[in-house]
Amino acid sequence: MRMSRTPLRLYMSMSVDGYITGPDDRPGQELGRDGGRLFNWLDDRLSEGINGQVYAEAAATGAVISGRRTFELAGRWQGDHHDGVPIHVLTHHIDPADEPPGSAKFYTDVNACADEARAAAGDRAVLVHGAGAAQALLAAGQLDELELHLVPVLLGDGRRLFEPAGHGHIELELVRRLEGRDATHLRYRVTTIQ
């Protein structure tokens, strides 16, 4: 990772067994069965404690990169994820008739998406949402950091953050660990992709 570039940072709540949703995530049940448990820590998001600090950091990012599935399940955030920051959506296909709301823009090129998000964010980090986006950015050498909100639960099934993707061995360096109520916030820097 080049330290001088604006970081692309994945923010993701995850169960101890590696799930980011419960089973059967779909419209109307966006987090899957029992997946809402992964976000109980957000009840403290307005507090002055650790959970409030972590939430405020995520809300202070200067741009968003999302996978298409996450974007759609989130109702396209009605075009505004937070504070009107640009939303960059990675997708496999762009339908010219599909105009995303607000500042959202579709991309099929991972590197172009990352470059434009960094430029839009300026000196602030870029918030990354979604397992697909994280995997694509990691495979392209563009994902700089992972902020994992580890929740003390075993969901047993659902959507995993990292499925076997063939990107080989990846070394991470723990750069921060914060203990919040109902979540341990772990920030890792991507150091080596082999």
N, C-alpha and C. Protein backbone atom coordinates (compact mmCIF):
# COMPACT_ATOMS: atom_id res chain seq x y z
N MET A 1 0.83 -1.18 0.00
CA MET A 1 0.00 0.00 0.00
C MET A 1 0.87 1.24 0.00
N ARG A 2 0.57 2.17 -0.87
CA ARG A 2 1.26 3.45 -0.85
C ARG A 2 0.60 4.31 0.22
N MET A 3 1.37 4.73 1.19
CA MET A 3 0.82 5.45 2.34
C MET A 3 0.29 6.83 1.98
N SER A 4 0.73 7.41 0.86
CA SER A 4 0.33 8.77 0.53
C SER A 4 -1.04 8.84 -0.12
N ARG A 5 -1.60 7.72 -0.56
CA ARG A 5 -2.89 7.79 -1.23
C ARG A 5 -4.03 7.80 -0.23
N THR A 6 -5.15 8.37 -0.65
CA THR A 6 -6.35 8.38 0.16
C THR A 6 -6.80 6.93 0.39
N PRO A 7 -7.00 6.52 1.63
CA PRO A 7 -7.32 5.11 1.87
C PRO A 7 -8.75 4.73 1.48
N LEU A 8 -8.87 3.56 0.86
CA LEU A 8 -10.15 2.91 0.67
C LEU A 8 -10.30 1.95 1.83
N ARG A 9 -11.34 2.18 2.66
CA ARG A 9 -11.48 1.43 3.91
C ARG A 9 -12.84 0.74 3.95
N LEU A 10 -12.81 -0.58 3.99
CA LEU A 10 -14.03 -1.35 4.15
C LEU A 10 -14.53 -1.20 5.58
N TYR A 11 -15.80 -0.89 5.74
CA TYR A 11 -16.46 -0.88 7.04
C TYR A 11 -17.50 -2.00 7.00
N MET A 12 -17.35 -3.01 7.89
CA MET A 12 -18.24 -4.15 7.81
C MET A 12 -18.46 -4.77 9.17
N SER A 13 -19.73 -4.94 9.56
CA SER A 13 -20.07 -5.71 10.75
C SER A 13 -20.07 -7.18 10.37
N MET A 14 -19.52 -8.01 11.27
CA MET A 14 -19.34 -9.41 10.93
C MET A 14 -19.46 -10.27 12.19
N SER A 15 -20.07 -11.45 12.02
CA SER A 15 -20.15 -12.41 13.12
C SER A 15 -18.78 -13.08 13.30
N VAL A 16 -18.59 -13.71 14.42
CA VAL A 16 -17.33 -14.39 14.68
C VAL A 16 -17.07 -15.50 13.66
N ASP A 17 -18.15 -16.10 13.12
CA ASP A 17 -17.97 -17.14 12.11
C ASP A 17 -17.94 -16.58 10.68
N GLY A 18 -17.77 -15.27 10.53
CA GLY A 18 -17.47 -14.67 9.24
C GLY A 18 -18.64 -14.24 8.39
N TYR A 19 -19.86 -14.18 8.94
CA TYR A 19 -21.03 -13.79 8.15
C TYR A 19 -21.34 -12.31 8.31
N ILE A 20 -21.76 -11.69 7.20
CA ILE A 20 -22.12 -10.27 7.20
C ILE A 20 -23.62 -10.07 7.07
N THR A 21 -24.36 -11.15 6.79
CA THR A 21 -25.82 -11.17 6.85
C THR A 21 -26.21 -12.55 7.36
N GLY A 22 -27.46 -12.63 7.77
CA GLY A 22 -28.02 -13.94 8.06
C GLY A 22 -28.43 -14.59 6.75
N PRO A 23 -28.94 -15.82 6.80
CA PRO A 23 -29.37 -16.48 5.57
C PRO A 23 -30.58 -15.78 4.95
N ASP A 24 -30.73 -15.94 3.64
CA ASP A 24 -31.88 -15.44 2.89
C ASP A 24 -31.96 -13.91 2.88
N ASP A 25 -30.82 -13.25 2.65
CA ASP A 25 -30.87 -11.79 2.51
C ASP A 25 -31.47 -11.46 1.14
N ARG A 26 -32.43 -10.54 1.15
CA ARG A 26 -33.18 -10.19 -0.06
C ARG A 26 -33.97 -8.92 0.22
N PRO A 27 -34.56 -8.32 -0.81
CA PRO A 27 -35.41 -7.15 -0.56
C PRO A 27 -36.51 -7.49 0.45
N GLY A 28 -36.69 -6.62 1.41
CA GLY A 28 -37.65 -6.85 2.48
C GLY A 28 -37.04 -7.56 3.68
N GLN A 29 -35.92 -8.21 3.46
CA GLN A 29 -35.17 -8.88 4.53
C GLN A 29 -33.69 -8.69 4.21
N GLU A 30 -33.30 -7.42 4.15
CA GLU A 30 -31.99 -7.03 3.63
C GLU A 30 -30.81 -7.62 4.40
N LEU A 31 -30.96 -7.85 5.67
CA LEU A 31 -29.87 -8.38 6.49
C LEU A 31 -30.00 -9.88 6.70
N GLY A 32 -30.96 -10.51 6.05
CA GLY A 32 -31.18 -11.94 6.23
C GLY A 32 -31.82 -12.23 7.57
N ARG A 33 -32.16 -13.49 7.78
CA ARG A 33 -32.74 -13.89 9.07
C ARG A 33 -31.71 -13.72 10.18
N ASP A 34 -32.08 -12.99 11.19
CA ASP A 34 -31.25 -12.72 12.37
C ASP A 34 -30.02 -11.87 12.08
N GLY A 35 -29.87 -11.36 10.87
CA GLY A 35 -28.71 -10.54 10.52
C GLY A 35 -28.69 -9.18 11.20
N GLY A 36 -29.84 -8.70 11.63
CA GLY A 36 -29.90 -7.42 12.33
C GLY A 36 -29.07 -7.42 13.60
N ARG A 37 -28.83 -8.62 14.14
CA ARG A 37 -28.01 -8.75 15.35
C ARG A 37 -26.62 -8.16 15.15
N LEU A 38 -26.13 -8.15 13.92
CA LEU A 38 -24.80 -7.62 13.64
C LEU A 38 -24.70 -6.11 13.80
N PHE A 39 -25.84 -5.46 13.94
CA PHE A 39 -25.84 -4.01 14.00
C PHE A 39 -26.37 -3.45 15.32
N ASN A 40 -26.51 -4.30 16.32
CA ASN A 40 -26.96 -3.82 17.64
C ASN A 40 -26.01 -2.77 18.20
N TRP A 41 -24.73 -2.87 17.86
CA TRP A 41 -23.75 -1.91 18.38
C TRP A 41 -24.07 -0.49 17.90
N LEU A 42 -24.80 -0.36 16.80
CA LEU A 42 -25.16 0.97 16.30
C LEU A 42 -26.17 1.69 17.18
N ASP A 43 -26.76 0.97 18.14
CA ASP A 43 -27.64 1.65 19.10
C ASP A 43 -26.88 2.72 19.86
N ASP A 44 -25.56 2.57 19.95
CA ASP A 44 -24.70 3.54 20.64
C ASP A 44 -24.06 4.55 19.69
N ARG A 45 -24.51 4.62 18.44
CA ARG A 45 -23.82 5.43 17.43
C ARG A 45 -23.80 6.92 17.76
N LEU A 46 -24.72 7.37 18.56
CA LEU A 46 -24.74 8.80 18.90
C LEU A 46 -24.11 9.07 20.26
N SER A 47 -23.54 8.04 20.86
CA SER A 47 -22.92 8.21 22.17
C SER A 47 -21.51 8.78 22.02
N GLU A 48 -20.92 9.15 23.13
CA GLU A 48 -19.54 9.62 23.12
C GLU A 48 -18.55 8.48 23.36
N GLY A 49 -19.05 7.25 23.39
CA GLY A 49 -18.20 6.09 23.62
C GLY A 49 -17.53 5.62 22.34
N ILE A 50 -16.94 4.43 22.43
CA ILE A 50 -16.20 3.84 21.32
C ILE A 50 -17.09 3.66 20.09
N ASN A 51 -18.29 3.10 20.27
CA ASN A 51 -19.18 2.89 19.12
C ASN A 51 -19.54 4.20 18.45
N GLY A 52 -19.75 5.23 19.22
CA GLY A 52 -20.03 6.55 18.65
C GLY A 52 -18.84 7.09 17.88
N GLN A 53 -17.64 6.87 18.40
CA GLN A 53 -16.42 7.31 17.72
C GLN A 53 -16.27 6.62 16.37
N VAL A 54 -16.46 5.31 16.35
CA VAL A 54 -16.31 4.54 15.11
C VAL A 54 -17.36 4.95 14.09
N TYR A 55 -18.59 5.13 14.54
CA TYR A 55 -19.66 5.57 13.63
C TYR A 55 -19.35 6.96 13.07
N ALA A 56 -18.88 7.86 13.91
CA ALA A 56 -18.56 9.22 13.45
C ALA A 56 -17.43 9.19 12.42
N GLU A 57 -16.46 8.31 12.59
CA GLU A 57 -15.39 8.19 11.61
C GLU A 57 -15.93 7.74 10.26
N ALA A 58 -16.83 6.76 10.28
CA ALA A 58 -17.42 6.28 9.02
C ALA A 58 -18.24 7.39 8.35
N ALA A 59 -18.95 8.16 9.16
CA ALA A 59 -19.78 9.24 8.62
C ALA A 59 -18.96 10.44 8.14
N ALA A 60 -17.68 10.47 8.48
CA ALA A 60 -16.81 11.57 8.06
C ALA A 60 -16.04 11.26 6.78
N THR A 61 -16.30 10.12 6.18
CA THR A 61 -15.61 9.76 4.94
C THR A 61 -16.08 10.66 3.81
N GLY A 62 -15.22 10.79 2.79
CA GLY A 62 -15.49 11.75 1.72
C GLY A 62 -16.13 11.18 0.47
N ALA A 63 -16.27 9.87 0.38
CA ALA A 63 -16.91 9.21 -0.76
C ALA A 63 -17.25 7.79 -0.34
N VAL A 64 -18.10 7.15 -1.13
CA VAL A 64 -18.53 5.78 -0.87
C VAL A 64 -18.30 4.94 -2.12
N ILE A 65 -17.80 3.73 -1.94
CA ILE A 65 -17.81 2.71 -2.99
C ILE A 65 -18.67 1.57 -2.48
N SER A 66 -19.61 1.16 -3.30
CA SER A 66 -20.51 0.09 -2.94
C SER A 66 -20.59 -0.93 -4.06
N GLY A 67 -20.87 -2.16 -3.70
CA GLY A 67 -21.23 -3.15 -4.70
C GLY A 67 -22.66 -2.90 -5.13
N ARG A 68 -23.01 -3.37 -6.32
CA ARG A 68 -24.36 -3.15 -6.85
C ARG A 68 -25.42 -3.81 -5.99
N ARG A 69 -25.18 -5.02 -5.51
CA ARG A 69 -26.17 -5.72 -4.70
C ARG A 69 -26.46 -4.95 -3.41
N THR A 70 -25.41 -4.50 -2.75
CA THR A 70 -25.58 -3.71 -1.53
C THR A 70 -26.35 -2.43 -1.82
N PHE A 71 -25.99 -1.75 -2.89
CA PHE A 71 -26.65 -0.51 -3.30
C PHE A 71 -28.15 -0.73 -3.49
N GLU A 72 -28.51 -1.80 -4.16
CA GLU A 72 -29.92 -2.08 -4.42
C GLU A 72 -30.65 -2.49 -3.14
N LEU A 73 -30.04 -3.36 -2.32
CA LEU A 73 -30.69 -3.79 -1.08
C LEU A 73 -30.87 -2.62 -0.11
N ALA A 74 -30.01 -1.62 -0.22
CA ALA A 74 -30.12 -0.43 0.65
C ALA A 74 -31.08 0.61 0.07
N GLY A 75 -31.85 0.24 -0.95
CA GLY A 75 -32.78 1.19 -1.55
C GLY A 75 -32.07 2.34 -2.23
N ARG A 76 -30.83 2.05 -2.70
CA ARG A 76 -29.99 3.04 -3.36
C ARG A 76 -29.73 4.25 -2.46
N TRP A 77 -29.96 4.09 -1.18
CA TRP A 77 -29.79 5.15 -0.17
C TRP A 77 -30.50 6.43 -0.61
N GLN A 78 -31.50 6.28 -1.45
CA GLN A 78 -32.23 7.43 -1.99
C GLN A 78 -31.27 8.49 -2.52
N GLY A 79 -30.12 8.04 -2.99
CA GLY A 79 -29.15 8.94 -3.61
C GLY A 79 -28.24 9.67 -2.65
N ASP A 80 -28.37 9.43 -1.33
CA ASP A 80 -27.53 10.15 -0.36
C ASP A 80 -27.14 9.21 0.78
N HIS A 81 -25.94 8.67 0.71
CA HIS A 81 -25.47 7.79 1.78
C HIS A 81 -25.24 8.57 3.06
N HIS A 82 -24.46 9.63 2.99
CA HIS A 82 -24.28 10.54 4.12
C HIS A 82 -23.69 11.86 3.60
N ASP A 83 -24.25 12.94 4.04
CA ASP A 83 -23.75 14.29 3.75
C ASP A 83 -23.55 14.60 2.27
N GLY A 84 -24.27 13.91 1.40
CA GLY A 84 -24.17 14.19 -0.02
C GLY A 84 -22.89 13.77 -0.69
N VAL A 85 -22.09 12.90 -0.04
CA VAL A 85 -20.82 12.48 -0.65
C VAL A 85 -21.11 11.63 -1.89
N PRO A 86 -20.20 11.65 -2.86
CA PRO A 86 -20.41 10.85 -4.07
C PRO A 86 -20.45 9.35 -3.76
N ILE A 87 -21.34 8.66 -4.45
CA ILE A 87 -21.51 7.21 -4.31
C ILE A 87 -21.05 6.56 -5.61
N HIS A 88 -20.06 5.68 -5.51
CA HIS A 88 -19.50 4.97 -6.67
C HIS A 88 -19.92 3.52 -6.55
N VAL A 89 -20.64 3.00 -7.54
CA VAL A 89 -21.22 1.67 -7.47
C VAL A 89 -20.56 0.75 -8.48
N LEU A 90 -19.90 -0.30 -7.97
CA LEU A 90 -19.30 -1.31 -8.85
C LEU A 90 -20.37 -2.29 -9.30
N THR A 91 -20.41 -2.54 -10.59
CA THR A 91 -21.41 -3.44 -11.16
C THR A 91 -20.81 -4.18 -12.35
N HIS A 92 -21.41 -5.29 -12.70
CA HIS A 92 -20.93 -6.06 -13.85
C HIS A 92 -21.46 -5.51 -15.17
N HIS A 93 -22.60 -4.81 -15.09
CA HIS A 93 -23.25 -4.31 -16.30
C HIS A 93 -23.92 -2.97 -16.00
N ILE A 94 -23.82 -2.06 -16.94
CA ILE A 94 -24.50 -0.77 -16.81
C ILE A 94 -25.58 -0.67 -17.88
N ASP A 95 -26.81 -0.47 -17.43
CA ASP A 95 -27.92 -0.23 -18.33
C ASP A 95 -28.02 1.28 -18.55
N PRO A 96 -27.81 1.76 -19.78
CA PRO A 96 -27.83 3.20 -20.02
C PRO A 96 -29.15 3.87 -19.61
N ALA A 97 -30.23 3.11 -19.56
CA ALA A 97 -31.52 3.68 -19.18
C ALA A 97 -31.69 3.80 -17.66
N ASP A 98 -30.78 3.18 -16.90
CA ASP A 98 -30.86 3.20 -15.44
C ASP A 98 -30.06 4.36 -14.90
N GLU A 99 -30.74 5.42 -14.51
CA GLU A 99 -30.09 6.60 -13.94
C GLU A 99 -30.09 6.48 -12.42
N PRO A 100 -28.92 6.29 -11.80
CA PRO A 100 -28.90 6.20 -10.34
C PRO A 100 -29.23 7.57 -9.71
N PRO A 101 -29.80 7.56 -8.51
CA PRO A 101 -30.21 8.81 -7.87
C PRO A 101 -29.04 9.60 -7.29
N GLY A 102 -29.27 10.88 -7.09
CA GLY A 102 -28.30 11.74 -6.42
C GLY A 102 -26.95 11.73 -7.10
N SER A 103 -25.92 11.59 -6.29
CA SER A 103 -24.55 11.63 -6.80
C SER A 103 -24.02 10.26 -7.21
N ALA A 104 -24.87 9.23 -7.18
CA ALA A 104 -24.42 7.87 -7.48
C ALA A 104 -24.04 7.73 -8.95
N LYS A 105 -23.02 6.91 -9.19
CA LYS A 105 -22.55 6.64 -10.54
C LYS A 105 -22.12 5.18 -10.61
N PHE A 106 -22.44 4.51 -11.73
CA PHE A 106 -22.08 3.11 -11.92
C PHE A 106 -20.72 2.98 -12.60
N TYR A 107 -19.99 1.92 -12.23
CA TYR A 107 -18.68 1.62 -12.81
C TYR A 107 -18.57 0.12 -13.06
N THR A 108 -17.96 -0.24 -14.17
CA THR A 108 -17.60 -1.64 -14.39
C THR A 108 -16.09 -1.83 -14.23
N ASP A 109 -15.34 -0.76 -14.24
CA ASP A 109 -13.88 -0.81 -14.11
C ASP A 109 -13.50 -0.50 -12.66
N VAL A 110 -12.95 -1.50 -11.99
CA VAL A 110 -12.61 -1.37 -10.56
C VAL A 110 -11.59 -0.25 -10.33
N ASN A 111 -10.56 -0.18 -11.16
CA ASN A 111 -9.52 0.83 -10.96
C ASN A 111 -10.04 2.23 -11.20
N ALA A 112 -10.86 2.42 -12.21
CA ALA A 112 -11.44 3.74 -12.47
C ALA A 112 -12.33 4.16 -11.31
N CYS A 113 -13.10 3.21 -10.79
CA CYS A 113 -13.97 3.48 -9.64
C CYS A 113 -13.14 3.93 -8.44
N ALA A 114 -12.08 3.19 -8.14
CA ALA A 114 -11.22 3.52 -7.00
C ALA A 114 -10.56 4.88 -7.18
N ASP A 115 -10.05 5.13 -8.37
CA ASP A 115 -9.36 6.40 -8.63
C ASP A 115 -10.31 7.58 -8.49
N GLU A 116 -11.50 7.47 -9.05
CA GLU A 116 -12.47 8.57 -8.97
C GLU A 116 -12.98 8.77 -7.55
N ALA A 117 -13.15 7.69 -6.80
CA ALA A 117 -13.59 7.82 -5.40
C ALA A 117 -12.52 8.51 -4.57
N ARG A 118 -11.26 8.13 -4.78
CA ARG A 118 -10.17 8.79 -4.05
C ARG A 118 -10.12 10.28 -4.37
N ALA A 119 -10.25 10.61 -5.65
CA ALA A 119 -10.22 12.02 -6.05
C ALA A 119 -11.38 12.79 -5.42
N ALA A 120 -12.56 12.17 -5.38
CA ALA A 120 -13.73 12.83 -4.80
C ALA A 120 -13.60 13.01 -3.30
N ALA A 121 -12.95 12.06 -2.63
CA ALA A 121 -12.85 12.11 -1.16
C ALA A 121 -11.83 13.13 -0.67
N GLY A 122 -10.91 13.52 -1.53
CA GLY A 122 -9.89 14.48 -1.12
C GLY A 122 -9.00 13.91 -0.03
N ASP A 123 -8.93 14.60 1.10
CA ASP A 123 -8.06 14.14 2.19
C ASP A 123 -8.80 13.24 3.19
N ARG A 124 -10.03 12.87 2.88
CA ARG A 124 -10.80 11.97 3.75
C ARG A 124 -10.78 10.56 3.18
N ALA A 125 -10.99 9.57 4.02
CA ALA A 125 -11.03 8.17 3.58
C ALA A 125 -12.27 7.93 2.72
N VAL A 126 -12.22 6.84 1.96
CA VAL A 126 -13.36 6.37 1.17
C VAL A 126 -13.96 5.18 1.91
N LEU A 127 -15.27 5.23 2.15
CA LEU A 127 -15.98 4.16 2.82
C LEU A 127 -16.37 3.11 1.78
N VAL A 128 -16.02 1.86 2.02
CA VAL A 128 -16.37 0.76 1.12
C VAL A 128 -17.44 -0.08 1.78
N HIS A 129 -18.50 -0.39 1.01
CA HIS A 129 -19.63 -1.22 1.46
C HIS A 129 -19.75 -2.44 0.58
N GLY A 130 -20.01 -3.58 1.17
CA GLY A 130 -20.38 -4.76 0.41
C GLY A 130 -19.24 -5.74 0.19
N ALA A 131 -19.57 -7.01 0.31
CA ALA A 131 -18.57 -8.07 0.14
C ALA A 131 -18.04 -8.11 -1.29
N GLY A 132 -18.91 -7.98 -2.27
CA GLY A 132 -18.47 -8.03 -3.67
C GLY A 132 -17.52 -6.91 -4.00
N ALA A 133 -17.85 -5.70 -3.55
CA ALA A 133 -16.97 -4.55 -3.80
C ALA A 133 -15.64 -4.75 -3.10
N ALA A 134 -15.66 -5.21 -1.86
CA ALA A 134 -14.42 -5.43 -1.11
C ALA A 134 -13.53 -6.46 -1.82
N GLN A 135 -14.13 -7.54 -2.28
CA GLN A 135 -13.36 -8.58 -2.95
C GLN A 135 -12.76 -8.08 -4.26
N ALA A 136 -13.55 -7.32 -5.03
CA ALA A 136 -13.05 -6.79 -6.31
C ALA A 136 -11.92 -5.79 -6.08
N LEU A 137 -12.08 -4.91 -5.09
CA LEU A 137 -11.04 -3.93 -4.79
C LEU A 137 -9.78 -4.60 -4.26
N LEU A 138 -9.95 -5.61 -3.43
CA LEU A 138 -8.79 -6.33 -2.90
C LEU A 138 -8.04 -7.03 -4.02
N ALA A 139 -8.76 -7.69 -4.91
CA ALA A 139 -8.13 -8.40 -6.02
C ALA A 139 -7.37 -7.44 -6.94
N ALA A 140 -7.85 -6.19 -7.04
CA ALA A 140 -7.20 -5.19 -7.90
C ALA A 140 -6.08 -4.44 -7.17
N GLY A 141 -5.84 -4.78 -5.91
CA GLY A 141 -4.80 -4.09 -5.14
C GLY A 141 -5.21 -2.69 -4.72
N GLN A 142 -6.52 -2.43 -4.66
CA GLN A 142 -7.01 -1.08 -4.35
C GLN A 142 -7.53 -0.93 -2.92
N LEU A 143 -7.89 -2.02 -2.25
CA LEU A 143 -8.42 -1.92 -0.89
C LEU A 143 -7.26 -1.77 0.09
N ASP A 144 -7.26 -0.68 0.84
CA ASP A 144 -6.14 -0.36 1.73
C ASP A 144 -6.34 -0.86 3.16
N GLU A 145 -7.59 -0.78 3.65
CA GLU A 145 -7.84 -1.10 5.06
C GLU A 145 -9.18 -1.81 5.22
N LEU A 146 -9.27 -2.61 6.27
CA LEU A 146 -10.51 -3.27 6.64
C LEU A 146 -10.84 -2.86 8.06
N GLU A 147 -11.98 -2.23 8.25
CA GLU A 147 -12.49 -1.90 9.59
C GLU A 147 -13.62 -2.89 9.84
N LEU A 148 -13.32 -3.91 10.63
CA LEU A 148 -14.28 -4.97 10.91
C LEU A 148 -14.87 -4.77 12.29
N HIS A 149 -16.19 -4.76 12.35
CA HIS A 149 -16.91 -4.64 13.61
C HIS A 149 -17.31 -6.07 14.00
N LEU A 150 -16.48 -6.71 14.79
CA LEU A 150 -16.66 -8.11 15.13
C LEU A 150 -17.68 -8.23 16.27
N VAL A 151 -18.79 -8.91 15.96
CA VAL A 151 -19.91 -9.02 16.90
C VAL A 151 -19.89 -10.42 17.51
N PRO A 152 -20.04 -10.53 18.84
CA PRO A 152 -19.92 -11.81 19.52
C PRO A 152 -21.15 -12.70 19.32
N VAL A 153 -21.28 -13.21 18.09
CA VAL A 153 -22.38 -14.11 17.76
C VAL A 153 -21.90 -15.05 16.66
N LEU A 154 -22.43 -16.26 16.66
CA LEU A 154 -22.21 -17.20 15.57
C LEU A 154 -23.54 -17.33 14.83
N LEU A 155 -23.62 -16.81 13.61
CA LEU A 155 -24.88 -16.86 12.86
C LEU A 155 -25.09 -18.23 12.21
N GLY A 156 -24.02 -18.95 11.91
CA GLY A 156 -24.15 -20.30 11.38
C GLY A 156 -24.41 -20.39 9.89
N ASP A 157 -24.92 -19.33 9.29
CA ASP A 157 -25.21 -19.33 7.86
C ASP A 157 -25.48 -17.90 7.43
N GLY A 158 -25.44 -17.68 6.13
CA GLY A 158 -25.69 -16.34 5.59
C GLY A 158 -24.70 -16.03 4.50
N ARG A 159 -24.39 -14.76 4.34
CA ARG A 159 -23.43 -14.31 3.33
C ARG A 159 -22.11 -14.02 4.03
N ARG A 160 -21.05 -14.64 3.56
CA ARG A 160 -19.72 -14.43 4.14
C ARG A 160 -19.06 -13.20 3.53
N LEU A 161 -18.19 -12.59 4.30
CA LEU A 161 -17.44 -11.45 3.78
C LEU A 161 -16.47 -11.90 2.71
N PHE A 162 -15.72 -12.94 2.97
CA PHE A 162 -14.74 -13.42 2.00
C PHE A 162 -14.99 -14.88 1.68
N GLU A 163 -15.44 -15.12 0.48
CA GLU A 163 -15.56 -16.48 -0.06
C GLU A 163 -14.26 -16.77 -0.79
N PRO A 164 -13.95 -18.03 -1.04
CA PRO A 164 -12.76 -18.32 -1.84
C PRO A 164 -12.83 -17.57 -3.17
N ALA A 165 -11.85 -16.72 -3.41
CA ALA A 165 -11.90 -15.87 -4.60
C ALA A 165 -10.66 -16.01 -5.47
N GLY A 166 -9.72 -16.83 -5.05
CA GLY A 166 -8.54 -17.05 -5.86
C GLY A 166 -7.54 -15.91 -5.86
N HIS A 167 -7.63 -14.97 -4.87
CA HIS A 167 -6.62 -13.92 -4.86
C HIS A 167 -5.42 -14.27 -4.00
N GLY A 168 -5.33 -15.49 -3.54
CA GLY A 168 -4.12 -15.95 -2.87
C GLY A 168 -3.96 -15.44 -1.45
N HIS A 169 -2.75 -15.48 -1.02
CA HIS A 169 -2.35 -15.13 0.34
C HIS A 169 -2.30 -13.61 0.50
N ILE A 170 -2.95 -13.10 1.54
CA ILE A 170 -2.97 -11.66 1.80
C ILE A 170 -2.59 -11.44 3.26
N GLU A 171 -1.58 -10.61 3.48
CA GLU A 171 -1.15 -10.28 4.84
C GLU A 171 -1.83 -8.99 5.28
N LEU A 172 -2.27 -8.99 6.54
CA LEU A 172 -2.90 -7.82 7.15
C LEU A 172 -2.12 -7.44 8.40
N GLU A 173 -2.09 -6.16 8.69
CA GLU A 173 -1.46 -5.67 9.92
C GLU A 173 -2.54 -5.00 10.77
N LEU A 174 -2.70 -5.47 12.01
CA LEU A 174 -3.64 -4.86 12.92
C LEU A 174 -3.10 -3.49 13.32
N VAL A 175 -3.84 -2.44 13.02
CA VAL A 175 -3.38 -1.09 13.35
C VAL A 175 -4.21 -0.45 14.45
N ARG A 176 -5.39 -1.06 14.75
CA ARG A 176 -6.20 -0.51 15.84
C ARG A 176 -7.20 -1.56 16.31
N ARG A 177 -7.41 -1.58 17.62
CA ARG A 177 -8.42 -2.44 18.23
C ARG A 177 -9.14 -1.63 19.29
N LEU A 178 -10.46 -1.49 19.14
CA LEU A 178 -11.26 -0.74 20.09
C LEU A 178 -12.39 -1.64 20.59
N GLU A 179 -12.60 -1.66 21.90
CA GLU A 179 -13.67 -2.46 22.49
C GLU A 179 -14.89 -1.59 22.73
N GLY A 180 -15.91 -1.78 21.94
CA GLY A 180 -17.17 -1.08 22.13
C GLY A 180 -18.18 -2.01 22.79
N ARG A 181 -19.34 -1.45 23.11
CA ARG A 181 -20.41 -2.29 23.65
C ARG A 181 -20.96 -3.14 22.53
N ASP A 182 -20.86 -4.44 22.66
CA ASP A 182 -21.41 -5.42 21.73
C ASP A 182 -20.65 -5.52 20.40
N ALA A 183 -19.44 -4.97 20.32
CA ALA A 183 -18.61 -5.13 19.12
C ALA A 183 -17.17 -4.78 19.44
N THR A 184 -16.26 -5.52 18.83
CA THR A 184 -14.84 -5.18 18.86
C THR A 184 -14.50 -4.64 17.49
N HIS A 185 -13.99 -3.42 17.45
CA HIS A 185 -13.69 -2.75 16.18
C HIS A 185 -12.21 -2.96 15.87
N LEU A 186 -11.96 -3.69 14.80
CA LEU A 186 -10.60 -4.05 14.40
C LEU A 186 -10.27 -3.38 13.08
N ARG A 187 -9.21 -2.62 13.03
CA ARG A 187 -8.78 -2.02 11.77
C ARG A 187 -7.47 -2.68 11.34
N TYR A 188 -7.49 -3.21 10.13
CA TYR A 188 -6.34 -3.86 9.54
C TYR A 188 -5.88 -3.09 8.31
N ARG A 189 -4.59 -3.02 8.12
CA ARG A 189 -4.01 -2.47 6.90
C ARG A 189 -3.59 -3.65 6.02
N VAL A 190 -3.94 -3.57 4.74
CA VAL A 190 -3.48 -4.58 3.79
C VAL A 190 -2.01 -4.31 3.52
N THR A 191 -1.16 -5.31 3.82
CA THR A 191 0.28 -5.08 3.65
C THR A 191 0.87 -5.82 2.46
N THR A 192 0.41 -7.04 2.20
CA THR A 192 0.98 -7.84 1.13
C THR A 192 -0.09 -8.68 0.47
N ILE A 193 -0.15 -8.64 -0.85
CA ILE A 193 -1.02 -9.53 -1.62
C ILE A 193 -0.10 -10.38 -2.47
N GLN A 194 -0.15 -11.70 -2.29
CA GLN A 194 0.74 -12.61 -3.03
C GLN A 194 -0.03 -13.40 -4.05
